[in-house]
Amino acid sequence: MVNAAQVRAARALLNWSQDDLANRANVSARTLNYLEKGMRHPQKQTLRDIERAFTEAGIEFLASADGTVGVLLRGEGSNRDPQDCCSRPRAAPE
């Protein structure tokens, strides 16, 4: 199952707010806030709904036997804002 750090990382990769994710996963923004802060552990169905929303947007959640976890964005992510920071070239260092 997806964890709080992965949810925060996936949202950052997609440039989604908690409200964006709440709408796409059909869960409350309060539930997401509590999850990301580690204040509560949502029901398994809620976590599946969150994972589904991310998967549909091109996110893949990674986990290994040693406990390492990660988040991968496949392609461009179908629901990303084209104006987000990751789609523009970075300025060259001065």
Protein backbone atom coordinates (compact mmCIF):
# COMPACT_ATOMS: atom_id res chain seq x y z
CA MET A 1 0.00 0.00 0.00
CA VAL A 2 1.04 3.57 -0.69
CA ASN A 3 2.42 5.59 2.25
CA ALA A 4 2.32 9.28 3.23
CA ALA A 5 5.74 10.11 1.77
CA GLN A 6 4.82 8.51 -1.55
CA VAL A 7 1.56 10.47 -1.69
CA ARG A 8 3.41 13.76 -1.09
CA ALA A 9 6.06 12.85 -3.68
CA ALA A 10 3.52 11.79 -6.29
CA ARG A 11 1.53 14.98 -5.82
CA ALA A 12 4.71 17.02 -6.25
CA LEU A 13 5.65 15.18 -9.45
CA LEU A 14 2.21 15.92 -10.90
CA ASN A 15 1.99 19.43 -9.45
CA TRP A 16 -1.32 18.48 -7.79
CA SER A 17 -2.76 20.13 -4.71
CA GLN A 18 -4.47 18.06 -2.05
CA ASP A 19 -7.78 19.25 -3.50
CA ASP A 20 -6.74 18.02 -6.97
CA LEU A 21 -5.98 14.57 -5.60
CA ALA A 22 -9.11 14.53 -3.44
CA ASN A 23 -11.28 15.19 -6.50
CA ARG A 24 -9.52 12.60 -8.65
CA ALA A 25 -9.55 9.93 -5.93
CA ASN A 26 -13.04 10.80 -4.66
CA VAL A 27 -11.82 11.22 -1.07
CA SER A 28 -11.95 14.21 1.24
CA ALA A 29 -9.12 16.75 1.35
CA ARG A 30 -9.17 16.35 5.14
CA THR A 31 -8.45 12.63 4.78
CA LEU A 32 -5.45 13.43 2.55
CA ASN A 33 -4.22 16.06 4.97
CA TYR A 34 -4.35 13.60 7.86
CA LEU A 35 -2.69 10.87 5.79
CA GLU A 36 0.17 13.10 4.67
CA LYS A 37 0.78 14.34 8.20
CA GLY A 38 0.68 10.79 9.59
CA MET A 39 -2.21 11.68 11.89
CA ARG A 40 -4.46 8.84 10.75
CA HIS A 41 -4.31 5.65 8.76
CA PRO A 42 -7.04 5.61 6.10
CA GLN A 43 -9.05 2.55 5.22
CA LYS A 44 -7.57 0.22 2.60
CA GLN A 45 -10.22 1.23 0.06
CA THR A 46 -9.25 4.88 0.47
CA LEU A 47 -5.60 4.03 -0.16
CA ARG A 48 -6.61 2.01 -3.24
CA ASP A 49 -8.62 4.98 -4.55
CA ILE A 50 -5.62 7.29 -4.05
CA GLU A 51 -3.29 4.82 -5.74
CA ARG A 52 -5.71 4.40 -8.66
CA ALA A 53 -5.90 8.17 -9.24
CA PHE A 54 -2.12 8.40 -9.33
CA THR A 55 -1.74 5.33 -11.54
CA GLU A 56 -4.17 6.81 -14.08
CA ALA A 57 -1.97 9.93 -14.16
CA GLY A 58 1.20 7.94 -14.90
CA ILE A 59 2.58 7.40 -11.39
CA GLU A 60 4.13 4.08 -10.44
CA PHE A 61 4.78 3.24 -6.79
CA LEU A 62 7.95 1.29 -6.11
CA ALA A 63 8.80 -0.93 -3.15
CA SER A 64 11.57 -3.43 -2.53
CA ALA A 65 12.04 -6.26 -0.07
CA ASP A 66 14.46 -4.20 2.02
CA GLY A 67 11.79 -1.55 2.70
CA THR A 68 12.97 0.98 0.12
CA VAL A 69 10.06 2.84 -1.48
CA GLY A 70 9.81 5.34 -4.29
CA VAL A 71 7.64 7.06 -6.85
CA LEU A 72 8.13 7.09 -10.62
CA LEU A 73 6.37 9.27 -13.18
CA ARG A 74 5.90 7.44 -16.47
CA GLY A 75 5.82 9.55 -19.62
CA GLU A 76 4.53 13.07 -19.19
CA GLY A 77 1.64 12.20 -16.85
CA SER A 78 -1.72 12.63 -18.51
CA ASN A 79 -3.10 15.10 -15.96
CA ARG A 80 -0.07 17.31 -15.37
CA ASP A 81 -0.28 21.04 -15.80
CA PRO A 82 1.93 21.84 -18.81
CA GLN A 83 2.99 25.07 -17.10
CA ASP A 84 4.43 23.35 -14.01
CA CYS A 85 8.07 23.67 -13.03
CA CYS A 86 9.09 20.32 -14.43
CA SER A 87 8.03 21.04 -18.01
CA ARG A 88 10.15 24.19 -18.42
CA PRO A 89 13.89 24.04 -18.98
CA ARG A 90 15.94 24.97 -15.94
CA ALA A 91 17.95 28.14 -16.07
CA ALA A 92 21.69 27.69 -16.52
CA PRO A 93 23.73 28.37 -13.37
CA GLU A 94 25.41 31.77 -13.31
